[in-house]
Amino acid sequence: MNRILITLPNWYGETLFATPFLRALRQQLPAAFIATLGWPQCREVLLHNPHLNELMDYDERGAHRSLSGKWQLVQTLRQRRFDAAFILRKSLSRSVMLCAAGIPTRVGFANPKSGWLLTHRVPAAGAARHKASAYLPLLEAIGLSVLPGPYEYTVSDEERQAARRWLNAQRAINGRPLIILHPGANWPHKRWVPERFAALGDRLAESQRVQVVITGGPADAPLAESVKQRMRYPAMVSAGQTTLRQLAAVLEQAQLVVSNDTGILHVAAALRRPVVALYGPTSPALTGPLGEPQRIAVLHHPDCCPRVPCYQPDHPPHPGMDAITVDEVFDAACQLLGQGNLLTR
């Protein structure tokens, strides 16, 4: 097995969850050429990853949406002459393309939809298994060892310097602890309400003398501004002003990150930042932040939720998010801030 392709999941967080798999594969096949195939939006998660030789895009909403676009991608894969592929999600279209590309060894999860196109089929993970460890049995299917561990995100020196310049320009580097509030999430029913993020920011600014930065992507800018406008103390908004890579470099400078269950939470955990993670409709057992337990506080009230996990975002608000109080998030944040030895890398 000399040339290996890994087809990735579609979300930022799940792409991060694949990094223990990538690391284990590289450790056991150090001389192999390893490439990934995934959504262009997730490419930034794996940029600078030391275990990969190439990042390939599968732009199924753009360049590869049509049959001709998919066929061009198949021809590109043929030219790469991969001898093995791992499929980290159940996908008929991806499995068909790997077959058409002539990749002889295809390892993935058994399922009626696309499992028949695989040469090595692995039973799907049990309900209680974290997604970051759910990919590791694919290695066992070809005789490799399972090497679990934390997920990874690599920030370059240039990105780190750019983040410091941005923070300096915003006057955020002022000797006070930098606290990140991330109020966004891909689904509305995973979001703690802006009023509570604002109340938390004010309490931390008043009692802990912290500098609050409210983060998010371009679509989160109105939400971030609504949090800022509700605060009595000054806060800075980076939502819509940074790329994912730049945001990650800003996260790396933080002494604490408070976030809903979303990809940025997992980026912060991968960067070994102390995090307070707010969970309602999703399960921390399946998608909770990974890392040293003393750096992570997960707040979740599953008893008040009708169903966990709940993948029905058209029914907000979720009672699990409403059950999380400002008091308990503030207490968890202060406890992590008080452990000063944990705040250095």
C-alpha atoms as a PDB file:
ATOM      1  CA  MET A   1       0.000   0.000   0.000  1.00  0.00           C
ATOM      2  CA  ASN A   2       2.062   2.891  -1.346  1.00  0.00           C
ATOM      3  CA  ARG A   3      -0.426   5.476  -2.663  1.00  0.00           C
ATOM      4  CA  ILE A   4      -3.446   6.075  -0.465  1.00  0.00           C
ATOM      5  CA  LEU A   5      -6.521   8.283  -0.867  1.00  0.00           C
ATOM      6  CA  ILE A   6      -8.801   9.203   2.050  1.00  0.00           C
ATOM      7  CA  THR A   7     -12.264  10.559   1.232  1.00  0.00           C
ATOM      8  CA  LEU A   8     -13.283  12.894   4.018  1.00  0.00           C
ATOM      9  CA  PRO A   9     -16.534  13.797   5.770  1.00  0.00           C
ATOM     10  CA  ASN A  10     -18.226  17.061   4.880  1.00  0.00           C
ATOM     11  CA  TRP A  11     -18.059  19.223   8.014  1.00  0.00           C
ATOM     12  CA  TYR A  12     -15.221  21.159   9.672  1.00  0.00           C
ATOM     13  CA  GLY A  13     -15.599  19.331  12.966  1.00  0.00           C
ATOM     14  CA  GLU A  14     -15.820  15.885  11.414  1.00  0.00           C
ATOM     15  CA  THR A  15     -12.764  16.633   9.285  1.00  0.00           C
ATOM     16  CA  LEU A  16     -10.893  17.387  12.513  1.00  0.00           C
ATOM     17  CA  PHE A  17     -12.219  14.116  13.937  1.00  0.00           C
ATOM     18  CA  ALA A  18     -10.428  12.350  11.069  1.00  0.00           C
ATOM     19  CA  THR A  19      -6.983  13.638  12.091  1.00  0.00           C
ATOM     20  CA  PRO A  20      -6.252  10.832  14.616  1.00  0.00           C
ATOM     21  CA  PHE A  21      -6.920   8.404  11.748  1.00  0.00           C
ATOM     22  CA  LEU A  22      -4.543  10.324   9.453  1.00  0.00           C
ATOM     23  CA  ARG A  23      -1.837  10.389  12.108  1.00  0.00           C
ATOM     24  CA  ALA A  24      -2.157   6.663  12.819  1.00  0.00           C
ATOM     25  CA  LEU A  25      -1.996   5.859   9.112  1.00  0.00           C
ATOM     26  CA  ARG A  26       1.140   7.956   8.624  1.00  0.00           C
ATOM     27  CA  GLN A  27       2.868   6.503  11.687  1.00  0.00           C
ATOM     28  CA  GLN A  28       2.436   2.978  10.356  1.00  0.00           C
ATOM     29  CA  LEU A  29       3.096   3.740   6.689  1.00  0.00           C
ATOM     30  CA  PRO A  30       5.756   6.482   6.888  1.00  0.00           C
ATOM     31  CA  ALA A  31       6.849   6.153   3.245  1.00  0.00           C
ATOM     32  CA  ALA A  32       3.374   6.142   1.694  1.00  0.00           C
ATOM     33  CA  PHE A  33       1.938   8.945  -0.444  1.00  0.00           C
ATOM     34  CA  ILE A  34      -1.245   9.996   1.373  1.00  0.00           C
ATOM     35  CA  ALA A  35      -3.836  12.328  -0.169  1.00  0.00           C
ATOM     36  CA  THR A  36      -7.285  13.443   0.920  1.00  0.00           C
ATOM     37  CA  LEU A  37     -10.408  14.123  -1.127  1.00  0.00           C
ATOM     38  CA  GLY A  38     -13.010  16.412   0.410  1.00  0.00           C
ATOM     39  CA  TRP A  39     -15.102  19.544   0.231  1.00  0.00           C
ATOM     40  CA  PRO A  40     -13.141  22.716  -0.627  1.00  0.00           C
ATOM     41  CA  GLN A  41     -14.618  24.336   2.505  1.00  0.00           C
ATOM     42  CA  CYS A  42     -12.847  21.757   4.674  1.00  0.00           C
ATOM     43  CA  ARG A  43      -9.447  22.048   2.973  1.00  0.00           C
ATOM     44  CA  GLU A  44      -8.359  24.742   5.436  1.00  0.00           C
ATOM     45  CA  VAL A  45      -8.774  22.345   8.366  1.00  0.00           C
ATOM     46  CA  LEU A  46      -5.973  20.136   7.031  1.00  0.00           C
ATOM     47  CA  LEU A  47      -3.681  22.799   5.602  1.00  0.00           C
ATOM     48  CA  HIS A  48      -0.123  22.309   6.941  1.00  0.00           C
ATOM     49  CA  ASN A  49      -1.061  18.889   8.350  1.00  0.00           C
ATOM     50  CA  PRO A  50       2.300  17.073   8.545  1.00  0.00           C
ATOM     51  CA  HIS A  51       0.838  13.653   7.745  1.00  0.00           C
ATOM     52  CA  LEU A  52      -0.463  14.479   4.248  1.00  0.00           C
ATOM     53  CA  ASN A  53       1.175  14.828   0.847  1.00  0.00           C
ATOM     54  CA  GLU A  54      -1.753  16.321  -1.068  1.00  0.00           C
ATOM     55  CA  LEU A  55      -5.174  17.883  -0.473  1.00  0.00           C
ATOM     56  CA  MET A  56      -7.618  17.237  -3.329  1.00  0.00           C
ATOM     57  CA  ASP A  57     -11.017  18.917  -3.679  1.00  0.00           C
ATOM     58  CA  TYR A  58     -14.330  17.249  -4.411  1.00  0.00           C
ATOM     59  CA  ASP A  59     -16.475  20.278  -5.240  1.00  0.00           C
ATOM     60  CA  GLU A  60     -19.813  18.552  -5.698  1.00  0.00           C
ATOM     61  CA  ARG A  61     -21.660  21.878  -5.551  1.00  0.00           C
ATOM     62  CA  GLY A  62     -19.453  23.492  -8.181  1.00  0.00           C
ATOM     63  CA  ALA A  63     -16.816  22.067 -10.525  1.00  0.00           C
ATOM     64  CA  HIS A  64     -17.799  18.435  -9.876  1.00  0.00           C
ATOM     65  CA  ARG A  65     -21.560  18.854  -9.721  1.00  0.00           C
ATOM     66  CA  SER A  66     -22.237  17.614 -13.256  1.00  0.00           C
ATOM     67  CA  LEU A  67     -21.518  14.151 -14.613  1.00  0.00           C
ATOM     68  CA  SER A  68     -18.787  15.603 -16.824  1.00  0.00           C
ATOM     69  CA  GLY A  69     -17.213  17.270 -13.795  1.00  0.00           C
ATOM     70  CA  LYS A  70     -17.275  14.018 -11.854  1.00  0.00           C
ATOM     71  CA  TRP A  71     -15.759  12.203 -14.824  1.00  0.00           C
ATOM     72  CA  GLN A  72     -12.917  14.721 -14.980  1.00  0.00           C
ATOM     73  CA  LEU A  73     -12.243  14.059 -11.295  1.00  0.00           C
ATOM     74  CA  VAL A  74     -12.239  10.314 -11.981  1.00  0.00           C
ATOM     75  CA  GLN A  75      -9.610  10.853 -14.670  1.00  0.00           C
ATOM     76  CA  THR A  76      -7.505  12.891 -12.239  1.00  0.00           C
ATOM     77  CA  LEU A  77      -7.716  10.088  -9.683  1.00  0.00           C
ATOM     78  CA  ARG A  78      -6.709   7.570 -12.347  1.00  0.00           C
ATOM     79  CA  GLN A  79      -3.631   9.627 -13.148  1.00  0.00           C
ATOM     80  CA  ARG A  80      -2.622   9.576  -9.458  1.00  0.00           C
ATOM     81  CA  ARG A  81      -2.582   5.746  -9.551  1.00  0.00           C
ATOM     82  CA  PHE A  82      -3.828   5.209  -6.023  1.00  0.00           C
ATOM     83  CA  ASP A  83      -3.680   1.592  -4.878  1.00  0.00           C
ATOM     84  CA  ALA A  84      -5.943   2.006  -1.832  1.00  0.00           C
ATOM     85  CA  ALA A  85      -8.746   4.282  -0.673  1.00  0.00           C
ATOM     86  CA  PHE A  86     -10.457   4.766   2.686  1.00  0.00           C
ATOM     87  CA  ILE A  87     -13.993   6.139   2.626  1.00  0.00           C
ATOM     88  CA  LEU A  88     -14.786   7.859   5.926  1.00  0.00           C
ATOM     89  CA  ARG A  89     -18.456   8.383   5.159  1.00  0.00           C
ATOM     90  CA  LYS A  90     -21.230   6.404   3.499  1.00  0.00           C
ATOM     91  CA  SER A  91     -21.443   7.841   0.008  1.00  0.00           C
ATOM     92  CA  LEU A  92     -22.617   6.163  -3.174  1.00  0.00           C
ATOM     93  CA  SER A  93     -21.220   8.872  -5.472  1.00  0.00           C
ATOM     94  CA  ARG A  94     -17.763   8.745  -3.893  1.00  0.00           C
ATOM     95  CA  SER A  95     -17.683   4.963  -3.914  1.00  0.00           C
ATOM     96  CA  VAL A  96     -18.669   4.837  -7.582  1.00  0.00           C
ATOM     97  CA  MET A  97     -15.933   7.334  -8.489  1.00  0.00           C
ATOM     98  CA  LEU A  98     -13.279   5.324  -6.638  1.00  0.00           C
ATOM     99  CA  CYS A  99     -14.338   2.198  -8.502  1.00  0.00           C
ATOM    100  CA  ALA A 100     -14.309   4.052 -11.825  1.00  0.00           C
ATOM    101  CA  ALA A 101     -10.849   5.389 -10.993  1.00  0.00           C
ATOM    102  CA  GLY A 102      -9.579   1.818 -10.783  1.00  0.00           C
ATOM    103  CA  ILE A 103      -8.474   1.931  -7.128  1.00  0.00           C
ATOM    104  CA  PRO A 104      -8.187  -1.772  -6.273  1.00  0.00           C
ATOM    105  CA  THR A 105      -8.507  -1.623  -2.455  1.00  0.00           C
ATOM    106  CA  ARG A 106     -11.512   0.288  -1.131  1.00  0.00           C
ATOM    107  CA  VAL A 107     -12.122   0.289   2.620  1.00  0.00           C
ATOM    108  CA  GLY A 108     -15.249   1.729   4.208  1.00  0.00           C
ATOM    109  CA  PHE A 109     -18.287   1.137   6.378  1.00  0.00           C
ATOM    110  CA  ALA A 110     -20.758  -1.633   5.548  1.00  0.00           C
ATOM    111  CA  ASN A 111     -24.115  -0.256   4.432  1.00  0.00           C
ATOM    112  CA  PRO A 112     -26.786  -1.163   1.853  1.00  0.00           C
ATOM    113  CA  LYS A 113     -26.327   2.096  -0.044  1.00  0.00           C
ATOM    114  CA  SER A 114     -22.702   1.812  -1.107  1.00  0.00           C
ATOM    115  CA  GLY A 115     -21.120  -1.042   0.843  1.00  0.00           C
ATOM    116  CA  TRP A 116     -21.331  -3.405  -2.104  1.00  0.00           C
ATOM    117  CA  LEU A 117     -18.732  -1.274  -3.909  1.00  0.00           C
ATOM    118  CA  LEU A 118     -16.134  -1.823  -1.173  1.00  0.00           C
ATOM    119  CA  THR A 119     -13.481  -4.520  -1.025  1.00  0.00           C
ATOM    120  CA  HIS A 120     -13.218  -4.274   2.791  1.00  0.00           C
ATOM    121  CA  ARG A 121     -16.407  -3.589   4.755  1.00  0.00           C
ATOM    122  CA  VAL A 122     -16.344  -2.576   8.423  1.00  0.00           C
ATOM    123  CA  PRO A 123     -19.442  -2.584  10.640  1.00  0.00           C
ATOM    124  CA  ALA A 124     -20.564   0.907  11.611  1.00  0.00           C
ATOM    125  CA  ALA A 125     -19.494   2.080  15.066  1.00  0.00           C
ATOM    126  CA  GLY A 126     -21.815   1.649  18.018  1.00  0.00           C
ATOM    127  CA  ALA A 127     -23.988   4.536  19.130  1.00  0.00           C
ATOM    128  CA  ALA A 128     -21.809   5.446  22.121  1.00  0.00           C
ATOM    129  CA  ARG A 129     -18.496   5.726  20.261  1.00  0.00           C
ATOM    130  CA  HIS A 130     -16.963   9.139  19.642  1.00  0.00           C
ATOM    131  CA  LYS A 131     -16.693   9.980  15.957  1.00  0.00           C
ATOM    132  CA  ALA A 132     -12.943  10.587  16.226  1.00  0.00           C
ATOM    133  CA  SER A 133     -12.431   6.942  17.181  1.00  0.00           C
ATOM    134  CA  ALA A 134     -15.126   5.607  14.850  1.00  0.00           C
ATOM    135  CA  TYR A 135     -12.777   5.783  11.831  1.00  0.00           C
ATOM    136  CA  LEU A 136      -9.977   3.754  13.432  1.00  0.00           C
ATOM    137  CA  PRO A 137     -11.518   0.281  12.770  1.00  0.00           C
ATOM    138  CA  LEU A 138     -10.942   0.941   9.066  1.00  0.00           C
ATOM    139  CA  LEU A 139      -7.232   0.532   9.788  1.00  0.00           C
ATOM    140  CA  GLU A 140      -7.805  -2.820  11.484  1.00  0.00           C
ATOM    141  CA  ALA A 141      -9.608  -4.021   8.361  1.00  0.00           C
ATOM    142  CA  ILE A 142      -6.304  -4.024   6.462  1.00  0.00           C
ATOM    143  CA  GLY A 143      -4.173  -5.307   9.313  1.00  0.00           C
ATOM    144  CA  LEU A 144      -2.909  -2.018  10.758  1.00  0.00           C
ATOM    145  CA  SER A 145      -2.962  -1.102  14.426  1.00  0.00           C
ATOM    146  CA  VAL A 146      -5.398   1.258  16.098  1.00  0.00           C
ATOM    147  CA  LEU A 147      -3.560   4.227  17.627  1.00  0.00           C
ATOM    148  CA  PRO A 148      -6.112   6.583  19.252  1.00  0.00           C
ATOM    149  CA  GLY A 149      -5.190  10.074  20.287  1.00  0.00           C
ATOM    150  CA  PRO A 150      -6.289  13.719  20.196  1.00  0.00           C
ATOM    151  CA  TYR A 151      -7.143  15.498  17.002  1.00  0.00           C
ATOM    152  CA  GLU A 152      -4.769  17.987  15.422  1.00  0.00           C
ATOM    153  CA  TYR A 153      -4.787  21.426  13.823  1.00  0.00           C
ATOM    154  CA  THR A 154      -1.554  23.036  12.615  1.00  0.00           C
ATOM    155  CA  VAL A 155      -1.099  26.820  12.703  1.00  0.00           C
ATOM    156  CA  SER A 156       1.848  28.174  10.706  1.00  0.00           C
ATOM    157  CA  ASP A 157       4.252  30.807  12.034  1.00  0.00           C
ATOM    158  CA  GLU A 158       2.999  33.250   9.397  1.00  0.00           C
ATOM    159  CA  GLU A 159      -0.610  32.749  10.513  1.00  0.00           C
ATOM    160  CA  ARG A 160       0.411  33.158  14.145  1.00  0.00           C
ATOM    161  CA  GLN A 161       2.164  36.451  13.402  1.00  0.00           C
ATOM    162  CA  ALA A 162      -0.804  37.698  11.371  1.00  0.00           C
ATOM    163  CA  ALA A 163      -3.158  36.944  14.262  1.00  0.00           C
ATOM    164  CA  ARG A 164      -0.983  38.912  16.657  1.00  0.00           C
ATOM    165  CA  ARG A 165      -0.916  41.841  14.241  1.00  0.00           C
ATOM    166  CA  TRP A 166      -4.720  41.788  13.989  1.00  0.00           C
ATOM    167  CA  LEU A 167      -5.128  41.612  17.758  1.00  0.00           C
ATOM    168  CA  ASN A 168      -2.649  44.450  18.204  1.00  0.00           C
ATOM    169  CA  ALA A 169      -4.534  46.538  15.661  1.00  0.00           C
ATOM    170  CA  GLN A 170      -7.738  45.911  17.621  1.00  0.00           C
ATOM    171  CA  ARG A 171      -5.895  46.738  20.853  1.00  0.00           C
ATOM    172  CA  ALA A 172      -6.834  43.315  22.160  1.00  0.00           C
ATOM    173  CA  ILE A 173      -3.313  42.541  23.409  1.00  0.00           C
ATOM    174  CA  ASN A 174      -3.383  44.710  26.500  1.00  0.00           C
ATOM    175  CA  GLY A 175      -2.189  42.458  29.301  1.00  0.00           C
ATOM    176  CA  ARG A 176      -5.679  41.161  30.014  1.00  0.00           C
ATOM    177  CA  PRO A 177      -6.744  37.534  29.372  1.00  0.00           C
ATOM    178  CA  LEU A 178      -8.255  37.084  25.917  1.00  0.00           C
ATOM    179  CA  ILE A 179     -11.638  35.349  25.980  1.00  0.00           C
ATOM    180  CA  ILE A 180     -13.358  34.088  22.845  1.00  0.00           C
ATOM    181  CA  LEU A 181     -17.154  33.853  22.670  1.00  0.00           C
ATOM    182  CA  HIS A 182     -18.408  31.893  19.675  1.00  0.00           C
ATOM    183  CA  PRO A 183     -22.218  32.192  19.489  1.00  0.00           C
ATOM    184  CA  GLY A 184     -22.719  30.576  16.079  1.00  0.00           C
ATOM    185  CA  ALA A 185     -23.454  27.004  15.026  1.00  0.00           C
ATOM    186  CA  ASN A 186     -24.533  25.390  11.785  1.00  0.00           C
ATOM    187  CA  TRP A 187     -28.079  24.805  13.129  1.00  0.00           C
ATOM    188  CA  PRO A 188     -30.139  27.348  15.114  1.00  0.00           C
ATOM    189  CA  HIS A 189     -31.199  24.834  17.757  1.00  0.00           C
ATOM    190  CA  LYS A 190     -27.524  24.296  18.721  1.00  0.00           C
ATOM    191  CA  ARG A 191     -27.071  27.977  19.666  1.00  0.00           C
ATOM    192  CA  TRP A 192     -27.120  29.446  23.159  1.00  0.00           C
ATOM    193  CA  VAL A 193     -29.103  32.681  22.930  1.00  0.00           C
ATOM    194  CA  PRO A 194     -27.236  35.986  22.328  1.00  0.00           C
ATOM    195  CA  GLU A 195     -28.570  37.520  25.555  1.00  0.00           C
ATOM    196  CA  ARG A 196     -26.787  34.886  27.629  1.00  0.00           C
ATOM    197  CA  PHE A 197     -23.510  35.196  25.712  1.00  0.00           C
ATOM    198  CA  ALA A 198     -23.690  38.958  26.347  1.00  0.00           C
ATOM    199  CA  ALA A 199     -24.431  38.508  30.047  1.00  0.00           C
ATOM    200  CA  LEU A 200     -21.538  36.057  30.327  1.00  0.00           C
ATOM    201  CA  GLY A 201     -19.180  38.446  28.557  1.00  0.00           C
ATOM    202  CA  ASP A 202     -20.125  41.271  30.893  1.00  0.00           C
ATOM    203  CA  ARG A 203     -19.644  39.165  34.025  1.00  0.00           C
ATOM    204  CA  LEU A 204     -16.232  37.968  32.861  1.00  0.00           C
ATOM    205  CA  ALA A 205     -15.154  41.477  31.869  1.00  0.00           C
ATOM    206  CA  GLU A 206     -16.256  42.878  35.231  1.00  0.00           C
ATOM    207  CA  SER A 207     -14.954  40.182  37.564  1.00  0.00           C
ATOM    208  CA  GLN A 208     -11.956  38.783  35.677  1.00  0.00           C
ATOM    209  CA  ARG A 209     -10.858  41.896  33.731  1.00  0.00           C
ATOM    210  CA  VAL A 210     -10.768  39.987  30.445  1.00  0.00           C
ATOM    211  CA  GLN A 211     -10.844  41.190  26.846  1.00  0.00           C
ATOM    212  CA  VAL A 212     -13.790  39.648  24.986  1.00  0.00           C
ATOM    213  CA  VAL A 213     -13.626  38.829  21.265  1.00  0.00           C
ATOM    214  CA  ILE A 214     -16.774  37.534  19.549  1.00  0.00           C
ATOM    215  CA  THR A 215     -15.957  35.257  16.633  1.00  0.00           C
ATOM    216  CA  GLY A 216     -17.717  33.637  13.697  1.00  0.00           C
ATOM    217  CA  GLY A 217     -17.819  33.332   9.945  1.00  0.00           C
ATOM    218  CA  PRO A 218     -19.307  35.908   7.537  1.00  0.00           C
ATOM    219  CA  ALA A 219     -22.832  34.560   8.084  1.00  0.00           C
ATOM    220  CA  ASP A 220     -22.380  34.955  11.853  1.00  0.00           C
ATOM    221  CA  ALA A 221     -21.575  38.688  11.707  1.00  0.00           C
ATOM    222  CA  PRO A 222     -25.132  39.875  12.578  1.00  0.00           C
ATOM    223  CA  LEU A 223     -25.305  37.364  15.449  1.00  0.00           C
ATOM    224  CA  ALA A 224     -21.907  38.458  16.789  1.00  0.00           C
ATOM    225  CA  GLU A 225     -22.910  42.113  16.551  1.00  0.00           C
ATOM    226  CA  SER A 226     -26.127  41.382  18.450  1.00  0.00           C
ATOM    227  CA  VAL A 227     -24.069  39.915  21.291  1.00  0.00           C
ATOM    228  CA  LYS A 228     -21.782  42.944  21.313  1.00  0.00           C
ATOM    229  CA  GLN A 229     -24.692  45.403  21.305  1.00  0.00           C
ATOM    230  CA  ARG A 230     -26.219  43.691  24.322  1.00  0.00           C
ATOM    231  CA  MET A 231     -23.002  43.977  26.356  1.00  0.00           C
ATOM    232  CA  ARG A 232     -22.281  46.867  28.729  1.00  0.00           C
ATOM    233  CA  TYR A 233     -18.520  46.320  28.514  1.00  0.00           C
ATOM    234  CA  PRO A 234     -16.549  46.795  25.277  1.00  0.00           C
ATOM    235  CA  ALA A 235     -16.088  43.721  23.081  1.00  0.00           C
ATOM    236  CA  MET A 236     -14.488  43.154  19.698  1.00  0.00           C
ATOM    237  CA  VAL A 237     -16.105  41.330  16.787  1.00  0.00           C
ATOM    238  CA  SER A 238     -13.987  39.291  14.387  1.00  0.00           C
ATOM    239  CA  ALA A 239     -16.935  37.530  12.700  1.00  0.00           C
ATOM    240  CA  GLY A 240     -16.686  38.047   8.954  1.00  0.00           C
ATOM    241  CA  GLN A 241     -13.263  39.684   9.220  1.00  0.00           C
ATOM    242  CA  THR A 242     -11.097  36.559   9.191  1.00  0.00           C
ATOM    243  CA  THR A 243     -10.724  33.343   7.262  1.00  0.00           C
ATOM    244  CA  LEU A 244     -10.923  30.031   9.125  1.00  0.00           C
ATOM    245  CA  ARG A 245      -7.125  29.850   9.181  1.00  0.00           C
ATOM    246  CA  GLN A 246      -6.835  33.382  10.591  1.00  0.00           C
ATOM    247  CA  LEU A 247      -9.553  32.679  13.135  1.00  0.00           C
ATOM    248  CA  ALA A 248      -7.725  29.562  14.290  1.00  0.00           C
ATOM    249  CA  ALA A 249      -4.569  31.603  14.818  1.00  0.00           C
ATOM    250  CA  VAL A 250      -6.597  34.063  16.926  1.00  0.00           C
ATOM    251  CA  LEU A 251      -8.054  31.166  18.925  1.00  0.00           C
ATOM    252  CA  GLU A 252      -4.536  30.000  19.667  1.00  0.00           C
ATOM    253  CA  GLN A 253      -3.900  33.288  21.501  1.00  0.00           C
ATOM    254  CA  ALA A 254      -6.958  32.906  23.760  1.00  0.00           C
ATOM    255  CA  GLN A 255      -6.904  31.965  27.429  1.00  0.00           C
ATOM    256  CA  LEU A 256     -10.438  30.588  27.150  1.00  0.00           C
ATOM    257  CA  VAL A 257     -12.982  29.763  24.439  1.00  0.00           C
ATOM    258  CA  VAL A 258     -16.724  29.485  25.145  1.00  0.00           C
ATOM    259  CA  SER A 259     -18.575  27.937  22.227  1.00  0.00           C
ATOM    260  CA  ASN A 260     -21.589  25.994  21.087  1.00  0.00           C
ATOM    261  CA  ASP A 261     -21.057  22.580  19.512  1.00  0.00           C
ATOM    262  CA  THR A 262     -19.547  23.614  16.197  1.00  0.00           C
ATOM    263  CA  GLY A 263     -16.316  23.238  14.262  1.00  0.00           C
ATOM    264  CA  ILE A 264     -14.614  26.213  15.937  1.00  0.00           C
ATOM    265  CA  LEU A 265     -15.025  24.539  19.332  1.00  0.00           C
ATOM    266  CA  HIS A 266     -13.052  21.556  18.053  1.00  0.00           C
ATOM    267  CA  VAL A 267     -10.408  23.739  16.436  1.00  0.00           C
ATOM    268  CA  ALA A 268      -9.887  25.383  19.847  1.00  0.00           C
ATOM    269  CA  ALA A 269      -9.647  21.989  21.544  1.00  0.00           C
ATOM    270  CA  ALA A 270      -7.184  20.766  18.907  1.00  0.00           C
ATOM    271  CA  LEU A 271      -5.079  23.843  19.668  1.00  0.00           C
ATOM    272  CA  ARG A 272      -5.141  22.839  23.359  1.00  0.00           C
ATOM    273  CA  ARG A 273      -7.084  25.910  24.442  1.00  0.00           C
ATOM    274  CA  PRO A 274      -9.245  25.688  27.578  1.00  0.00           C
ATOM    275  CA  VAL A 275     -12.843  25.432  26.383  1.00  0.00           C
ATOM    276  CA  VAL A 276     -16.327  25.638  27.847  1.00  0.00           C
ATOM    277  CA  ALA A 277     -18.514  23.634  25.463  1.00  0.00           C
ATOM    278  CA  LEU A 278     -22.277  24.205  25.359  1.00  0.00           C
ATOM    279  CA  TYR A 279     -24.292  21.169  24.285  1.00  0.00           C
ATOM    280  CA  GLY A 280     -28.033  20.725  23.887  1.00  0.00           C
ATOM    281  CA  PRO A 281     -29.406  18.670  20.983  1.00  0.00           C
ATOM    282  CA  THR A 282     -26.111  16.913  20.217  1.00  0.00           C
ATOM    283  CA  SER A 283     -24.275  14.314  22.271  1.00  0.00           C
ATOM    284  CA  PRO A 284     -20.880  14.995  23.888  1.00  0.00           C
ATOM    285  CA  ALA A 285     -20.292  11.241  23.861  1.00  0.00           C
ATOM    286  CA  LEU A 286     -20.375  11.324  20.058  1.00  0.00           C
ATOM    287  CA  THR A 287     -18.991  14.766  19.199  1.00  0.00           C
ATOM    288  CA  GLY A 288     -17.603  16.240  22.402  1.00  0.00           C
ATOM    289  CA  PRO A 289     -14.284  18.139  22.431  1.00  0.00           C
ATOM    290  CA  LEU A 290     -11.219  15.955  22.878  1.00  0.00           C
ATOM    291  CA  GLY A 291      -8.120  16.755  24.897  1.00  0.00           C
ATOM    292  CA  GLU A 292      -6.850  16.868  28.454  1.00  0.00           C
ATOM    293  CA  PRO A 293      -9.893  16.719  30.778  1.00  0.00           C
ATOM    294  CA  GLN A 294      -8.570  19.559  32.930  1.00  0.00           C
ATOM    295  CA  ARG A 295      -8.808  21.905  29.916  1.00  0.00           C
ATOM    296  CA  ILE A 296     -12.399  21.051  29.011  1.00  0.00           C
ATOM    297  CA  ALA A 297     -15.749  21.800  30.644  1.00  0.00           C
ATOM    298  CA  VAL A 298     -18.778  20.362  28.848  1.00  0.00           C
ATOM    299  CA  LEU A 299     -22.176  21.675  29.953  1.00  0.00           C
ATOM    300  CA  HIS A 300     -25.082  19.473  28.949  1.00  0.00           C
ATOM    301  CA  HIS A 301     -28.481  18.691  30.476  1.00  0.00           C
ATOM    302  CA  PRO A 302     -29.663  15.610  28.584  1.00  0.00           C
ATOM    303  CA  ASP A 303     -32.509  14.887  31.021  1.00  0.00           C
ATOM    304  CA  CYS A 304     -34.403  17.964  29.849  1.00  0.00           C
ATOM    305  CA  CYS A 305     -34.109  17.063  26.175  1.00  0.00           C
ATOM    306  CA  PRO A 306     -36.772  15.040  24.357  1.00  0.00           C
ATOM    307  CA  ARG A 307     -34.105  13.354  22.239  1.00  0.00           C
ATOM    308  CA  VAL A 308     -30.312  13.413  22.045  1.00  0.00           C
ATOM    309  CA  PRO A 309     -28.908  13.588  19.474  1.00  0.00           C
ATOM    310  CA  CYS A 310     -31.601  15.594  17.721  1.00  0.00           C
ATOM    311  CA  TYR A 311     -30.963  16.293  14.051  1.00  0.00           C
ATOM    312  CA  GLN A 312     -34.106  18.333  13.413  1.00  0.00           C
ATOM    313  CA  PRO A 313     -32.927  21.950  13.263  1.00  0.00           C
ATOM    314  CA  ASP A 314     -36.321  23.125  12.004  1.00  0.00           C
ATOM    315  CA  HIS A 315     -37.720  22.828  15.536  1.00  0.00           C
ATOM    316  CA  PRO A 316     -35.883  25.516  17.568  1.00  0.00           C
ATOM    317  CA  PRO A 317     -35.372  26.412  20.331  1.00  0.00           C
ATOM    318  CA  HIS A 318     -34.015  23.271  21.926  1.00  0.00           C
ATOM    319  CA  PRO A 319     -34.741  22.840  25.650  1.00  0.00           C
ATOM    320  CA  GLY A 320     -31.233  21.531  26.257  1.00  0.00           C
ATOM    321  CA  MET A 321     -29.669  24.855  25.267  1.00  0.00           C
ATOM    322  CA  ASP A 322     -32.226  26.829  27.270  1.00  0.00           C
ATOM    323  CA  ALA A 323     -31.366  24.761  30.356  1.00  0.00           C
ATOM    324  CA  ILE A 324     -27.755  26.010  30.389  1.00  0.00           C
ATOM    325  CA  THR A 325     -27.601  29.009  32.725  1.00  0.00           C
ATOM    326  CA  VAL A 326     -25.258  31.977  32.689  1.00  0.00           C
ATOM    327  CA  ASP A 327     -24.246  31.130  36.250  1.00  0.00           C
ATOM    328  CA  GLU A 328     -22.957  27.664  35.417  1.00  0.00           C
ATOM    329  CA  VAL A 329     -21.071  28.832  32.313  1.00  0.00           C
ATOM    330  CA  PHE A 330     -19.532  31.675  34.329  1.00  0.00           C
ATOM    331  CA  ASP A 331     -18.477  29.270  37.096  1.00  0.00           C
ATOM    332  CA  ALA A 332     -16.912  26.855  34.590  1.00  0.00           C
ATOM    333  CA  ALA A 333     -15.107  29.712  32.851  1.00  0.00           C
ATOM    334  CA  CYS A 334     -13.725  31.095  36.113  1.00  0.00           C
ATOM    335  CA  GLN A 335     -12.498  27.670  37.162  1.00  0.00           C
ATOM    336  CA  LEU A 336     -10.554  27.255  33.918  1.00  0.00           C
ATOM    337  CA  LEU A 337      -9.217  30.800  34.086  1.00  0.00           C
ATOM    338  CA  GLY A 338      -8.040  30.130  37.615  1.00  0.00           C
ATOM    339  CA  GLN A 339      -5.868  27.215  36.483  1.00  0.00           C
ATOM    340  CA  GLY A 340      -3.102  29.436  35.149  1.00  0.00           C
ATOM    341  CA  ASN A 341      -0.705  26.537  34.552  1.00  0.00           C
ATOM    342  CA  LEU A 342      -3.106  25.204  31.947  1.00  0.00           C
ATOM    343  CA  LEU A 343      -3.216  28.382  29.918  1.00  0.00           C
ATOM    344  CA  THR A 344       0.231  28.029  28.387  1.00  0.00           C
ATOM    345  CA  ARG A 345       0.919  25.666  25.530  1.00  0.00           C
END
